[in-house]
Amino acid sequence: MTNLPVPGHVAIILDGNGRWATARGLARVAGHEVGAERVREVVRAAGRAGVKYLTVYALSMDNRKRPADEVAALYRLLERFAETEREELVGQGVRVEVVGDVESLPLSCQQAITELCEATMRGEGMLFRLAVAYSAREDVVRAVQALARRAVSGQIDPGAITVEHLRGAMWTAGAPDIDLLIRTGGEHRLSDFMLLEASYAELYFTDVAWPDFTAEHLLAALTDYTRRERRFGLTSAQVQATALFHQSLAR
């Protein structure tokens, strides 16, 4: 990745754990366990590659509708990850945040998450975000409700509300929009994940299930990103002219 543009914010939908396990005659939980190990590897690789923000979709609100034993196992894995990875993440200078309805999680899970975030809060390297009990639509609804309360109390003019106000009231405030969104497991949808923040994201879908997704697969996605032309509504000619202009200023 040397001298190539690295996406500032990478987001990953971790998909395929259950199917990976089922295909091997294992309980679905086994796929989640291996998947948790992959998170460790990918966090390291993203940091080495120069990614500044990494968000992973660990547990959606809809995932909680799955069989109770699987949901309980996911909570235990999240708690264990928060406890066992703390020392290494601190050592890497990674700052951890959790976005989502954290208060809906079991108390022991909430405590483990809080302790992880507090232990890493002084990290000056990559910001690593776990999206847990998360729904993009719920996030937008809650943000709109917060802004509506401010408008009713006279703190803000409804006609002056901007996208920036909305983003600032969301769970995901404090990080830029997504540059590259990766989904593993062969599905080609966003599944209620960071819909507003992914408005101009480059999408990368792979058939590789998350338990098989390695640092090499991440680097392949980052390399693919370097071949994309991000236009943000402009024409290709406009983008190229802007790039040439900035290059001339840098000389």
C-alpha atoms as a PDB file:
ATOM      1  CA  MET A   1       0.000   0.000   0.000  1.00  0.00           C
ATOM      2  CA  THR A   2       3.043   2.288  -0.023  1.00  0.00           C
ATOM      3  CA  ASN A   3       2.339   5.656  -1.702  1.00  0.00           C
ATOM      4  CA  LEU A   4      -1.190   4.546  -2.606  1.00  0.00           C
ATOM      5  CA  PRO A   5      -4.284   6.297  -1.268  1.00  0.00           C
ATOM      6  CA  VAL A   6      -5.564   4.567   1.864  1.00  0.00           C
ATOM      7  CA  PRO A   7      -9.243   4.980   2.771  1.00  0.00           C
ATOM      8  CA  GLY A   8      -9.490   7.050   5.922  1.00  0.00           C
ATOM      9  CA  HIS A   9     -12.583   5.248   7.188  1.00  0.00           C
ATOM     10  CA  VAL A  10     -13.128   1.555   6.507  1.00  0.00           C
ATOM     11  CA  ALA A  11     -16.314  -0.180   7.646  1.00  0.00           C
ATOM     12  CA  ILE A  12     -16.900  -3.927   7.556  1.00  0.00           C
ATOM     13  CA  ILE A  13     -20.103  -5.941   7.747  1.00  0.00           C
ATOM     14  CA  LEU A  14     -18.922  -9.181   9.329  1.00  0.00           C
ATOM     15  CA  ASP A  15     -21.072 -11.793   7.611  1.00  0.00           C
ATOM     16  CA  GLY A  16     -20.961 -15.533   7.061  1.00  0.00           C
ATOM     17  CA  ASN A  17     -20.023 -16.837  10.520  1.00  0.00           C
ATOM     18  CA  GLY A  18     -23.052 -19.076  10.937  1.00  0.00           C
ATOM     19  CA  ARG A  19     -23.015 -20.418   7.377  1.00  0.00           C
ATOM     20  CA  TRP A  20     -19.273 -21.072   7.650  1.00  0.00           C
ATOM     21  CA  ALA A  21     -19.845 -23.204  10.747  1.00  0.00           C
ATOM     22  CA  THR A  22     -22.885 -25.022   9.351  1.00  0.00           C
ATOM     23  CA  ALA A  23     -20.967 -25.985   6.198  1.00  0.00           C
ATOM     24  CA  ARG A  24     -18.396 -27.680   8.457  1.00  0.00           C
ATOM     25  CA  GLY A  25     -20.917 -29.504  10.586  1.00  0.00           C
ATOM     26  CA  LEU A  26     -20.303 -27.192  13.536  1.00  0.00           C
ATOM     27  CA  ALA A  27     -22.639 -25.207  15.741  1.00  0.00           C
ATOM     28  CA  ARG A  28     -23.191 -21.654  14.500  1.00  0.00           C
ATOM     29  CA  VAL A  29     -21.506 -20.361  17.646  1.00  0.00           C
ATOM     30  CA  ALA A  30     -18.230 -21.896  16.463  1.00  0.00           C
ATOM     31  CA  GLY A  31     -18.287 -19.580  13.473  1.00  0.00           C
ATOM     32  CA  HIS A  32     -18.734 -16.562  15.703  1.00  0.00           C
ATOM     33  CA  GLU A  33     -15.812 -17.692  17.866  1.00  0.00           C
ATOM     34  CA  VAL A  34     -13.479 -17.925  14.882  1.00  0.00           C
ATOM     35  CA  GLY A  35     -14.885 -14.652  13.594  1.00  0.00           C
ATOM     36  CA  ALA A  36     -13.896 -12.910  16.839  1.00  0.00           C
ATOM     37  CA  GLU A  37     -10.308 -14.016  16.250  1.00  0.00           C
ATOM     38  CA  ARG A  38     -10.434 -12.534  12.767  1.00  0.00           C
ATOM     39  CA  VAL A  39     -11.392  -9.146  14.215  1.00  0.00           C
ATOM     40  CA  ARG A  40      -8.075  -9.092  16.078  1.00  0.00           C
ATOM     41  CA  GLU A  41      -6.126  -9.831  12.896  1.00  0.00           C
ATOM     42  CA  VAL A  42      -7.966  -7.267  10.795  1.00  0.00           C
ATOM     43  CA  VAL A  43      -7.602  -4.517  13.412  1.00  0.00           C
ATOM     44  CA  ARG A  44      -3.842  -5.055  13.388  1.00  0.00           C
ATOM     45  CA  ALA A  45      -3.696  -5.090   9.582  1.00  0.00           C
ATOM     46  CA  ALA A  46      -5.832  -1.959   9.222  1.00  0.00           C
ATOM     47  CA  GLY A  47      -3.618  -0.068  11.641  1.00  0.00           C
ATOM     48  CA  ARG A  48      -0.461  -1.135   9.805  1.00  0.00           C
ATOM     49  CA  ALA A  49      -1.997  -0.053   6.489  1.00  0.00           C
ATOM     50  CA  GLY A  50      -2.641   3.452   7.793  1.00  0.00           C
ATOM     51  CA  VAL A  51      -6.422   3.310   8.198  1.00  0.00           C
ATOM     52  CA  LYS A  52      -7.486   6.020  10.651  1.00  0.00           C
ATOM     53  CA  TYR A  53     -11.020   4.811  11.390  1.00  0.00           C
ATOM     54  CA  LEU A  54     -12.284   1.222  11.378  1.00  0.00           C
ATOM     55  CA  THR A  55     -15.910   0.341  12.132  1.00  0.00           C
ATOM     56  CA  VAL A  56     -17.142  -3.246  12.272  1.00  0.00           C
ATOM     57  CA  TYR A  57     -20.769  -4.361  12.389  1.00  0.00           C
ATOM     58  CA  ALA A  58     -20.627  -6.821  15.260  1.00  0.00           C
ATOM     59  CA  LEU A  59     -24.296  -7.105  16.249  1.00  0.00           C
ATOM     60  CA  SER A  60     -27.393  -5.528  14.739  1.00  0.00           C
ATOM     61  CA  MET A  61     -30.673  -4.866  16.501  1.00  0.00           C
ATOM     62  CA  ASP A  62     -32.286  -7.436  14.215  1.00  0.00           C
ATOM     63  CA  ASN A  63     -29.649 -10.047  15.147  1.00  0.00           C
ATOM     64  CA  ARG A  64     -31.233 -10.122  18.581  1.00  0.00           C
ATOM     65  CA  LYS A  65     -34.246 -11.864  17.020  1.00  0.00           C
ATOM     66  CA  ARG A  66     -32.123 -14.971  16.427  1.00  0.00           C
ATOM     67  CA  PRO A  67     -32.414 -18.061  18.690  1.00  0.00           C
ATOM     68  CA  ALA A  68     -31.843 -17.117  22.317  1.00  0.00           C
ATOM     69  CA  ASP A  69     -28.825 -19.404  22.754  1.00  0.00           C
ATOM     70  CA  GLU A  70     -27.054 -17.853  19.762  1.00  0.00           C
ATOM     71  CA  VAL A  71     -27.758 -14.312  20.977  1.00  0.00           C
ATOM     72  CA  ALA A  72     -26.478 -15.198  24.456  1.00  0.00           C
ATOM     73  CA  ALA A  73     -23.325 -16.653  22.891  1.00  0.00           C
ATOM     74  CA  LEU A  74     -22.792 -13.442  20.914  1.00  0.00           C
ATOM     75  CA  TYR A  75     -23.042 -11.404  24.113  1.00  0.00           C
ATOM     76  CA  ARG A  76     -20.504 -13.681  25.811  1.00  0.00           C
ATOM     77  CA  LEU A  77     -18.117 -13.380  22.867  1.00  0.00           C
ATOM     78  CA  LEU A  78     -18.408  -9.602  22.880  1.00  0.00           C
ATOM     79  CA  GLU A  79     -17.728  -9.525  26.608  1.00  0.00           C
ATOM     80  CA  ARG A  80     -14.757 -11.863  26.257  1.00  0.00           C
ATOM     81  CA  PHE A  81     -13.348  -9.839  23.362  1.00  0.00           C
ATOM     82  CA  ALA A  82     -13.586  -6.648  25.415  1.00  0.00           C
ATOM     83  CA  GLU A  83     -11.713  -8.293  28.268  1.00  0.00           C
ATOM     84  CA  THR A  84      -9.039 -10.284  26.434  1.00  0.00           C
ATOM     85  CA  GLU A  85      -8.134  -7.723  23.755  1.00  0.00           C
ATOM     86  CA  ARG A  86      -7.830  -4.735  26.064  1.00  0.00           C
ATOM     87  CA  GLU A  87      -4.099  -5.011  26.738  1.00  0.00           C
ATOM     88  CA  GLU A  88      -3.148  -5.490  23.091  1.00  0.00           C
ATOM     89  CA  LEU A  89      -5.355  -2.631  21.878  1.00  0.00           C
ATOM     90  CA  VAL A  90      -3.851  -0.319  24.480  1.00  0.00           C
ATOM     91  CA  GLY A  91      -0.388  -1.401  23.341  1.00  0.00           C
ATOM     92  CA  GLN A  92      -1.251  -0.625  19.731  1.00  0.00           C
ATOM     93  CA  GLY A  93      -2.508   2.839  20.633  1.00  0.00           C
ATOM     94  CA  VAL A  94      -5.964   1.938  19.299  1.00  0.00           C
ATOM     95  CA  ARG A  95      -8.875   3.905  20.737  1.00  0.00           C
ATOM     96  CA  VAL A  96     -12.083   1.904  21.031  1.00  0.00           C
ATOM     97  CA  GLU A  97     -15.635   3.218  20.918  1.00  0.00           C
ATOM     98  CA  VAL A  98     -18.946   1.384  20.756  1.00  0.00           C
ATOM     99  CA  VAL A  99     -21.914   2.722  18.795  1.00  0.00           C
ATOM    100  CA  GLY A 100     -25.435   1.434  19.196  1.00  0.00           C
ATOM    101  CA  ASP A 101     -27.988   0.798  21.909  1.00  0.00           C
ATOM    102  CA  VAL A 102     -25.397  -0.327  24.456  1.00  0.00           C
ATOM    103  CA  GLU A 103     -27.855   0.084  27.342  1.00  0.00           C
ATOM    104  CA  SER A 104     -29.900  -2.815  25.949  1.00  0.00           C
ATOM    105  CA  LEU A 105     -27.015  -5.257  26.471  1.00  0.00           C
ATOM    106  CA  PRO A 106     -26.581  -7.432  29.574  1.00  0.00           C
ATOM    107  CA  LEU A 107     -24.991  -5.483  32.438  1.00  0.00           C
ATOM    108  CA  SER A 108     -21.824  -7.592  32.471  1.00  0.00           C
ATOM    109  CA  CYS A 109     -21.384  -6.910  28.753  1.00  0.00           C
ATOM    110  CA  GLN A 110     -21.931  -3.192  29.269  1.00  0.00           C
ATOM    111  CA  GLN A 111     -19.321  -3.150  32.011  1.00  0.00           C
ATOM    112  CA  ALA A 112     -16.731  -4.958  29.892  1.00  0.00           C
ATOM    113  CA  ILE A 113     -17.331  -2.537  27.010  1.00  0.00           C
ATOM    114  CA  THR A 114     -17.089   0.494  29.287  1.00  0.00           C
ATOM    115  CA  GLU A 115     -13.819  -0.736  30.766  1.00  0.00           C
ATOM    116  CA  LEU A 116     -12.378  -1.370  27.302  1.00  0.00           C
ATOM    117  CA  CYS A 117     -13.331   2.096  26.066  1.00  0.00           C
ATOM    118  CA  GLU A 118     -11.944   3.753  29.184  1.00  0.00           C
ATOM    119  CA  ALA A 119      -8.684   1.801  29.022  1.00  0.00           C
ATOM    120  CA  THR A 120      -8.092   2.829  25.393  1.00  0.00           C
ATOM    121  CA  MET A 121      -9.427   6.383  25.485  1.00  0.00           C
ATOM    122  CA  ARG A 122      -5.940   7.926  25.323  1.00  0.00           C
ATOM    123  CA  GLY A 123      -4.944   5.954  22.233  1.00  0.00           C
ATOM    124  CA  GLU A 124      -3.577   8.194  19.506  1.00  0.00           C
ATOM    125  CA  GLY A 125      -3.613   5.661  16.703  1.00  0.00           C
ATOM    126  CA  MET A 126      -6.592   4.247  14.855  1.00  0.00           C
ATOM    127  CA  LEU A 127     -10.134   4.722  16.145  1.00  0.00           C
ATOM    128  CA  PHE A 128     -11.763   1.293  16.222  1.00  0.00           C
ATOM    129  CA  ARG A 129     -15.541   1.283  16.519  1.00  0.00           C
ATOM    130  CA  LEU A 130     -17.746  -1.676  17.297  1.00  0.00           C
ATOM    131  CA  ALA A 131     -21.342  -1.310  16.102  1.00  0.00           C
ATOM    132  CA  VAL A 132     -23.318  -3.295  18.671  1.00  0.00           C
ATOM    133  CA  ALA A 133     -27.115  -3.543  19.031  1.00  0.00           C
ATOM    134  CA  TYR A 134     -26.979  -1.118  16.123  1.00  0.00           C
ATOM    135  CA  SER A 135     -29.507  -0.002  13.512  1.00  0.00           C
ATOM    136  CA  ALA A 136     -28.875   2.836  11.077  1.00  0.00           C
ATOM    137  CA  ARG A 137     -32.565   3.665  10.846  1.00  0.00           C
ATOM    138  CA  GLU A 138     -32.936   3.688  14.621  1.00  0.00           C
ATOM    139  CA  ASP A 139     -29.893   5.940  14.867  1.00  0.00           C
ATOM    140  CA  VAL A 140     -31.454   8.463  12.456  1.00  0.00           C
ATOM    141  CA  VAL A 141     -34.811   8.345  14.268  1.00  0.00           C
ATOM    142  CA  ARG A 142     -33.171   8.990  17.634  1.00  0.00           C
ATOM    143  CA  ALA A 143     -31.126  11.857  16.196  1.00  0.00           C
ATOM    144  CA  VAL A 144     -34.229  13.441  14.647  1.00  0.00           C
ATOM    145  CA  GLN A 145     -36.060  13.121  17.952  1.00  0.00           C
ATOM    146  CA  ALA A 146     -33.167  14.847  19.750  1.00  0.00           C
ATOM    147  CA  LEU A 147     -33.161  17.691  17.236  1.00  0.00           C
ATOM    148  CA  ALA A 148     -36.950  17.984  17.464  1.00  0.00           C
ATOM    149  CA  ARG A 149     -36.711  18.387  21.242  1.00  0.00           C
ATOM    150  CA  ARG A 150     -34.116  21.140  20.771  1.00  0.00           C
ATOM    151  CA  ALA A 151     -36.348  22.870  18.226  1.00  0.00           C
ATOM    152  CA  VAL A 152     -39.395  22.728  20.524  1.00  0.00           C
ATOM    153  CA  SER A 153     -37.370  24.263  23.364  1.00  0.00           C
ATOM    154  CA  GLY A 154     -36.150  27.032  21.071  1.00  0.00           C
ATOM    155  CA  GLN A 155     -32.507  25.947  21.070  1.00  0.00           C
ATOM    156  CA  ILE A 156     -32.409  25.522  17.300  1.00  0.00           C
ATOM    157  CA  ASP A 157     -34.333  26.880  14.325  1.00  0.00           C
ATOM    158  CA  PRO A 158     -35.939  23.938  12.462  1.00  0.00           C
ATOM    159  CA  GLY A 159     -35.254  25.673   9.148  1.00  0.00           C
ATOM    160  CA  ALA A 160     -31.556  25.888   9.975  1.00  0.00           C
ATOM    161  CA  ILE A 161     -31.065  22.156  10.618  1.00  0.00           C
ATOM    162  CA  THR A 162     -28.423  20.673   8.309  1.00  0.00           C
ATOM    163  CA  VAL A 163     -26.933  17.278   7.610  1.00  0.00           C
ATOM    164  CA  GLU A 164     -24.126  18.256   9.970  1.00  0.00           C
ATOM    165  CA  HIS A 165     -26.634  18.789  12.791  1.00  0.00           C
ATOM    166  CA  LEU A 166     -28.151  15.376  12.083  1.00  0.00           C
ATOM    167  CA  ARG A 167     -24.779  13.643  11.969  1.00  0.00           C
ATOM    168  CA  GLY A 168     -23.753  15.351  15.180  1.00  0.00           C
ATOM    169  CA  ALA A 169     -26.775  13.951  17.014  1.00  0.00           C
ATOM    170  CA  MET A 170     -26.195  10.363  15.890  1.00  0.00           C
ATOM    171  CA  TRP A 171     -24.456   7.492  17.640  1.00  0.00           C
ATOM    172  CA  THR A 172     -21.776   7.652  14.959  1.00  0.00           C
ATOM    173  CA  ALA A 173     -20.887  11.319  15.495  1.00  0.00           C
ATOM    174  CA  GLY A 174     -17.172  11.997  15.776  1.00  0.00           C
ATOM    175  CA  ALA A 175     -15.989  10.028  12.761  1.00  0.00           C
ATOM    176  CA  PRO A 176     -16.018  10.955   9.060  1.00  0.00           C
ATOM    177  CA  ASP A 177     -18.212   9.330   6.474  1.00  0.00           C
ATOM    178  CA  ILE A 178     -17.163   5.897   5.231  1.00  0.00           C
ATOM    179  CA  ASP A 179     -14.673   5.718   2.363  1.00  0.00           C
ATOM    180  CA  LEU A 180     -14.694   1.945   1.869  1.00  0.00           C
ATOM    181  CA  LEU A 181     -17.418  -0.441   3.015  1.00  0.00           C
ATOM    182  CA  ILE A 182     -16.607  -4.148   2.900  1.00  0.00           C
ATOM    183  CA  ARG A 183     -19.137  -6.961   3.257  1.00  0.00           C
ATOM    184  CA  THR A 184     -18.000 -10.552   3.588  1.00  0.00           C
ATOM    185  CA  GLY A 185     -20.015 -13.739   3.168  1.00  0.00           C
ATOM    186  CA  GLY A 186     -21.348 -13.315  -0.362  1.00  0.00           C
ATOM    187  CA  GLU A 187     -24.372 -11.110   0.325  1.00  0.00           C
ATOM    188  CA  HIS A 188     -24.802  -7.820  -1.554  1.00  0.00           C
ATOM    189  CA  ARG A 189     -26.774  -5.523   0.742  1.00  0.00           C
ATOM    190  CA  LEU A 190     -26.149  -3.020   3.540  1.00  0.00           C
ATOM    191  CA  SER A 191     -28.507  -4.563   6.112  1.00  0.00           C
ATOM    192  CA  ASP A 192     -29.340  -1.334   7.941  1.00  0.00           C
ATOM    193  CA  PHE A 193     -25.687  -0.426   8.485  1.00  0.00           C
ATOM    194  CA  MET A 194     -24.552   3.222   8.472  1.00  0.00           C
ATOM    195  CA  LEU A 195     -26.854   4.176   5.609  1.00  0.00           C
ATOM    196  CA  LEU A 196     -26.279   7.921   5.864  1.00  0.00           C
ATOM    197  CA  GLU A 197     -22.541   7.624   6.499  1.00  0.00           C
ATOM    198  CA  ALA A 198     -22.141   5.302   3.508  1.00  0.00           C
ATOM    199  CA  SER A 199     -23.823   7.671   1.043  1.00  0.00           C
ATOM    200  CA  TYR A 200     -20.659   7.977  -1.068  1.00  0.00           C
ATOM    201  CA  ALA A 201     -18.749   4.941   0.177  1.00  0.00           C
ATOM    202  CA  GLU A 202     -17.041   2.613  -2.241  1.00  0.00           C
ATOM    203  CA  LEU A 203     -18.635  -0.824  -1.806  1.00  0.00           C
ATOM    204  CA  TYR A 204     -16.598  -4.041  -1.828  1.00  0.00           C
ATOM    205  CA  PHE A 205     -18.386  -7.384  -1.662  1.00  0.00           C
ATOM    206  CA  THR A 206     -16.564 -10.679  -1.285  1.00  0.00           C
ATOM    207  CA  ASP A 207     -17.751 -14.284  -1.134  1.00  0.00           C
ATOM    208  CA  VAL A 208     -15.172 -15.003   1.569  1.00  0.00           C
ATOM    209  CA  ALA A 209     -16.945 -15.716   4.859  1.00  0.00           C
ATOM    210  CA  TRP A 210     -15.759 -13.642   7.804  1.00  0.00           C
ATOM    211  CA  PRO A 211     -14.020 -16.567   9.600  1.00  0.00           C
ATOM    212  CA  ASP A 212     -11.834 -16.978   6.490  1.00  0.00           C
ATOM    213  CA  PHE A 213     -11.206 -13.252   5.998  1.00  0.00           C
ATOM    214  CA  THR A 214      -7.538 -12.531   6.679  1.00  0.00           C
ATOM    215  CA  ALA A 215      -5.181  -9.575   6.585  1.00  0.00           C
ATOM    216  CA  GLU A 216      -4.437 -10.499   2.965  1.00  0.00           C
ATOM    217  CA  HIS A 217      -8.119 -10.194   2.068  1.00  0.00           C
ATOM    218  CA  LEU A 218      -8.242  -6.781   3.720  1.00  0.00           C
ATOM    219  CA  LEU A 219      -5.222  -5.633   1.737  1.00  0.00           C
ATOM    220  CA  ALA A 220      -6.900  -6.883  -1.452  1.00  0.00           C
ATOM    221  CA  ALA A 221      -9.928  -4.711  -0.651  1.00  0.00           C
ATOM    222  CA  LEU A 222      -7.719  -1.705   0.092  1.00  0.00           C
ATOM    223  CA  THR A 223      -5.850  -2.251  -3.180  1.00  0.00           C
ATOM    224  CA  ASP A 224      -9.138  -2.441  -5.081  1.00  0.00           C
ATOM    225  CA  TYR A 225     -10.094   0.875  -3.481  1.00  0.00           C
ATOM    226  CA  THR A 226      -7.027   2.533  -5.032  1.00  0.00           C
ATOM    227  CA  ARG A 227      -8.439   1.723  -8.495  1.00  0.00           C
ATOM    228  CA  ARG A 228     -11.724   3.514  -7.825  1.00  0.00           C
ATOM    229  CA  GLU A 229     -12.423   7.053  -8.994  1.00  0.00           C
ATOM    230  CA  ARG A 230     -14.451   8.863  -6.359  1.00  0.00           C
ATOM    231  CA  ARG A 231     -16.490  11.571  -8.078  1.00  0.00           C
ATOM    232  CA  PHE A 232     -18.982  12.743  -5.409  1.00  0.00           C
ATOM    233  CA  GLY A 233     -21.404  13.866  -8.119  1.00  0.00           C
ATOM    234  CA  LEU A 234     -18.771  15.406 -10.391  1.00  0.00           C
ATOM    235  CA  THR A 235     -17.742  14.196 -13.827  1.00  0.00           C
ATOM    236  CA  SER A 236     -14.566  12.221 -14.347  1.00  0.00           C
ATOM    237  CA  ALA A 237     -13.027  15.177 -16.182  1.00  0.00           C
ATOM    238  CA  GLN A 238     -13.758  17.471 -13.242  1.00  0.00           C
ATOM    239  CA  VAL A 239     -12.195  15.042 -10.781  1.00  0.00           C
ATOM    240  CA  GLN A 240      -9.064  14.704 -12.891  1.00  0.00           C
ATOM    241  CA  ALA A 241      -8.762  18.469 -13.325  1.00  0.00           C
ATOM    242  CA  THR A 242      -9.077  18.981  -9.573  1.00  0.00           C
ATOM    243  CA  ALA A 243      -6.408  16.356  -8.932  1.00  0.00           C
ATOM    244  CA  LEU A 244      -4.030  18.020 -11.390  1.00  0.00           C
ATOM    245  CA  PHE A 245      -4.662  21.386  -9.749  1.00  0.00           C
ATOM    246  CA  HIS A 246      -3.786  20.057  -6.291  1.00  0.00           C
ATOM    247  CA  GLN A 247      -0.706  18.332  -7.697  1.00  0.00           C
ATOM    248  CA  SER A 248       0.477  21.624  -9.156  1.00  0.00           C
ATOM    249  CA  LEU A 249       0.021  23.336  -5.787  1.00  0.00           C
ATOM    250  CA  ALA A 250       2.080  20.627  -4.098  1.00  0.00           C
ATOM    251  CA  ARG A 251       5.090  21.195  -6.350  1.00  0.00           C
END
